[in-house]
Amino acid sequence: MEIPKHRHCLNCGISIPPDQVFCSEKCRIEYMQRRKRMLRTQYMFLAIAGLIILYYIITIVWKM
């Protein structure tokens, strides 16, 4: 038995035709919103990590 060519929706995971990325407009919007939140969280983490590193560099230079 051969499985027909297909993909899975990036948001909900249901089977869709190979030329589509999302099963519906609703799934596309949900995926984009989740991705936007995830990127914002990653940028915040990098900014905070950068500030902590900068603080330690300034502290070390100040003691010299």
N, C-alpha and C. Protein backbone atom coordinates (compact mmCIF):
# COMPACT_ATOMS: atom_id res chain seq x y z
N MET A 1 0.84 -1.17 0.00
CA MET A 1 0.00 0.00 0.00
C MET A 1 0.89 1.24 0.00
N GLU A 2 0.68 2.14 -0.93
CA GLU A 2 1.49 3.34 -1.06
C GLU A 2 0.71 4.54 -0.53
N ILE A 3 1.40 5.36 0.26
CA ILE A 3 0.77 6.56 0.80
C ILE A 3 0.87 7.67 -0.24
N PRO A 4 -0.25 8.34 -0.55
CA PRO A 4 -0.20 9.42 -1.54
C PRO A 4 0.69 10.57 -1.05
N LYS A 5 1.28 11.29 -2.01
CA LYS A 5 2.14 12.42 -1.66
C LYS A 5 1.31 13.46 -0.92
N HIS A 6 1.88 13.94 0.20
CA HIS A 6 1.18 14.92 1.00
C HIS A 6 2.17 15.64 1.90
N ARG A 7 1.69 16.67 2.55
CA ARG A 7 2.44 17.40 3.57
C ARG A 7 1.56 17.46 4.80
N HIS A 8 2.11 18.08 5.83
CA HIS A 8 1.33 18.30 7.04
C HIS A 8 1.30 19.79 7.34
N CYS A 9 0.14 20.27 7.75
CA CYS A 9 -0.05 21.68 8.10
C CYS A 9 0.98 22.05 9.18
N LEU A 10 1.66 23.18 9.00
CA LEU A 10 2.68 23.61 9.96
C LEU A 10 2.09 23.97 11.31
N ASN A 11 0.81 24.26 11.35
CA ASN A 11 0.19 24.66 12.61
C ASN A 11 -0.46 23.49 13.33
N CYS A 12 -1.34 22.78 12.66
CA CYS A 12 -2.12 21.74 13.35
C CYS A 12 -1.68 20.32 13.00
N GLY A 13 -0.93 20.15 11.92
CA GLY A 13 -0.38 18.85 11.60
C GLY A 13 -1.25 17.91 10.78
N ILE A 14 -2.42 18.38 10.33
CA ILE A 14 -3.25 17.47 9.53
C ILE A 14 -2.68 17.34 8.13
N SER A 15 -3.04 16.28 7.46
CA SER A 15 -2.55 15.99 6.12
C SER A 15 -3.19 16.95 5.11
N ILE A 16 -2.34 17.53 4.24
CA ILE A 16 -2.81 18.46 3.21
C ILE A 16 -2.11 18.14 1.90
N PRO A 17 -2.61 18.67 0.78
CA PRO A 17 -1.94 18.44 -0.51
C PRO A 17 -0.51 19.00 -0.50
N PRO A 18 0.38 18.42 -1.31
CA PRO A 18 1.79 18.81 -1.27
C PRO A 18 2.06 20.25 -1.69
N ASP A 19 1.14 20.90 -2.38
CA ASP A 19 1.36 22.27 -2.82
C ASP A 19 0.90 23.32 -1.81
N GLN A 20 0.38 22.90 -0.67
CA GLN A 20 -0.08 23.82 0.36
C GLN A 20 0.86 23.76 1.57
N VAL A 21 0.83 24.82 2.36
CA VAL A 21 1.64 24.87 3.57
C VAL A 21 0.74 24.80 4.81
N PHE A 22 -0.43 25.42 4.72
CA PHE A 22 -1.40 25.43 5.81
C PHE A 22 -2.72 24.88 5.31
N CYS A 23 -3.50 24.33 6.24
CA CYS A 23 -4.79 23.76 5.84
C CYS A 23 -5.87 24.83 5.70
N SER A 24 -5.69 25.96 6.37
CA SER A 24 -6.69 27.03 6.29
C SER A 24 -6.03 28.37 6.61
N GLU A 25 -6.75 29.43 6.35
CA GLU A 25 -6.28 30.77 6.66
C GLU A 25 -6.16 30.94 8.18
N LYS A 26 -7.06 30.32 8.92
CA LYS A 26 -7.02 30.38 10.38
C LYS A 26 -5.71 29.79 10.90
N CYS A 27 -5.31 28.65 10.36
CA CYS A 27 -4.05 28.02 10.79
C CYS A 27 -2.86 28.89 10.42
N ARG A 28 -2.89 29.52 9.26
CA ARG A 28 -1.79 30.40 8.85
C ARG A 28 -1.66 31.57 9.82
N ILE A 29 -2.78 32.19 10.19
CA ILE A 29 -2.76 33.32 11.11
C ILE A 29 -2.26 32.89 12.49
N GLU A 30 -2.75 31.76 13.00
CA GLU A 30 -2.31 31.26 14.30
C GLU A 30 -0.81 30.99 14.30
N TYR A 31 -0.31 30.39 13.23
CA TYR A 31 1.11 30.06 13.12
C TYR A 31 1.95 31.35 13.12
N MET A 32 1.51 32.34 12.34
CA MET A 32 2.26 33.59 12.26
C MET A 32 2.27 34.32 13.60
N GLN A 33 1.16 34.29 14.32
CA GLN A 33 1.09 34.93 15.63
C GLN A 33 2.02 34.23 16.63
N ARG A 34 2.00 32.90 16.61
CA ARG A 34 2.86 32.14 17.51
C ARG A 34 4.33 32.39 17.19
N ARG A 35 4.65 32.43 15.91
CA ARG A 35 6.03 32.68 15.48
C ARG A 35 6.50 34.07 15.91
N LYS A 36 5.61 35.05 15.79
CA LYS A 36 5.94 36.41 16.18
C LYS A 36 6.22 36.49 17.68
N ARG A 37 5.40 35.81 18.50
CA ARG A 37 5.62 35.78 19.95
C ARG A 37 6.95 35.09 20.28
N MET A 38 7.23 34.00 19.59
CA MET A 38 8.46 33.26 19.84
C MET A 38 9.69 34.11 19.50
N LEU A 39 9.66 34.81 18.37
CA LEU A 39 10.78 35.67 17.99
C LEU A 39 10.97 36.80 18.99
N ARG A 40 9.87 37.38 19.46
CA ARG A 40 9.95 38.46 20.44
C ARG A 40 10.61 37.95 21.73
N THR A 41 10.23 36.75 22.15
CA THR A 41 10.82 36.15 23.36
C THR A 41 12.31 35.92 23.16
N GLN A 42 12.70 35.43 22.01
CA GLN A 42 14.12 35.18 21.74
C GLN A 42 14.91 36.48 21.73
N TYR A 43 14.35 37.53 21.14
CA TYR A 43 15.03 38.83 21.11
C TYR A 43 15.18 39.40 22.52
N MET A 44 14.16 39.22 23.35
CA MET A 44 14.23 39.70 24.73
C MET A 44 15.33 38.95 25.49
N PHE A 45 15.39 37.63 25.30
CA PHE A 45 16.42 36.83 25.96
C PHE A 45 17.81 37.30 25.53
N LEU A 46 18.01 37.51 24.23
CA LEU A 46 19.32 37.96 23.74
C LEU A 46 19.67 39.34 24.28
N ALA A 47 18.69 40.23 24.37
CA ALA A 47 18.93 41.57 24.88
C ALA A 47 19.34 41.51 26.36
N ILE A 48 18.63 40.72 27.14
CA ILE A 48 18.96 40.59 28.56
C ILE A 48 20.33 39.94 28.74
N ALA A 49 20.61 38.89 27.97
CA ALA A 49 21.93 38.24 28.04
C ALA A 49 23.03 39.24 27.66
N GLY A 50 22.79 40.05 26.64
CA GLY A 50 23.76 41.06 26.22
C GLY A 50 24.00 42.09 27.30
N LEU A 51 22.93 42.51 27.98
CA LEU A 51 23.08 43.48 29.06
C LEU A 51 23.87 42.90 30.23
N ILE A 52 23.63 41.64 30.55
CA ILE A 52 24.38 40.99 31.63
C ILE A 52 25.86 40.90 31.27
N ILE A 53 26.16 40.50 30.05
CA ILE A 53 27.56 40.41 29.61
C ILE A 53 28.21 41.79 29.63
N LEU A 54 27.49 42.80 29.16
CA LEU A 54 28.00 44.17 29.16
C LEU A 54 28.28 44.63 30.59
N TYR A 55 27.39 44.30 31.50
CA TYR A 55 27.58 44.65 32.91
C TYR A 55 28.87 44.04 33.44
N TYR A 56 29.09 42.75 33.17
CA TYR A 56 30.30 42.09 33.65
C TYR A 56 31.56 42.67 33.00
N ILE A 57 31.49 43.01 31.75
CA ILE A 57 32.66 43.62 31.08
C ILE A 57 32.97 44.97 31.70
N ILE A 58 31.95 45.78 31.92
CA ILE A 58 32.15 47.09 32.53
C ILE A 58 32.70 46.94 33.95
N THR A 59 32.18 45.98 34.70
CA THR A 59 32.65 45.74 36.07
C THR A 59 34.12 45.35 36.08
N ILE A 60 34.52 44.48 35.17
CA ILE A 60 35.92 44.03 35.12
C ILE A 60 36.83 45.20 34.72
N VAL A 61 36.42 45.98 33.72
CA VAL A 61 37.25 47.11 33.26
C VAL A 61 37.33 48.17 34.35
N TRP A 62 36.26 48.40 35.08
CA TRP A 62 36.21 49.42 36.13
C TRP A 62 37.20 49.10 37.27
N LYS A 63 37.38 47.80 37.54
CA LYS A 63 38.28 47.39 38.64
C LYS A 63 39.75 47.53 38.27
N MET A 64 40.07 47.62 36.99
CA MET A 64 41.47 47.68 36.56
C MET A 64 42.09 48.99 36.87
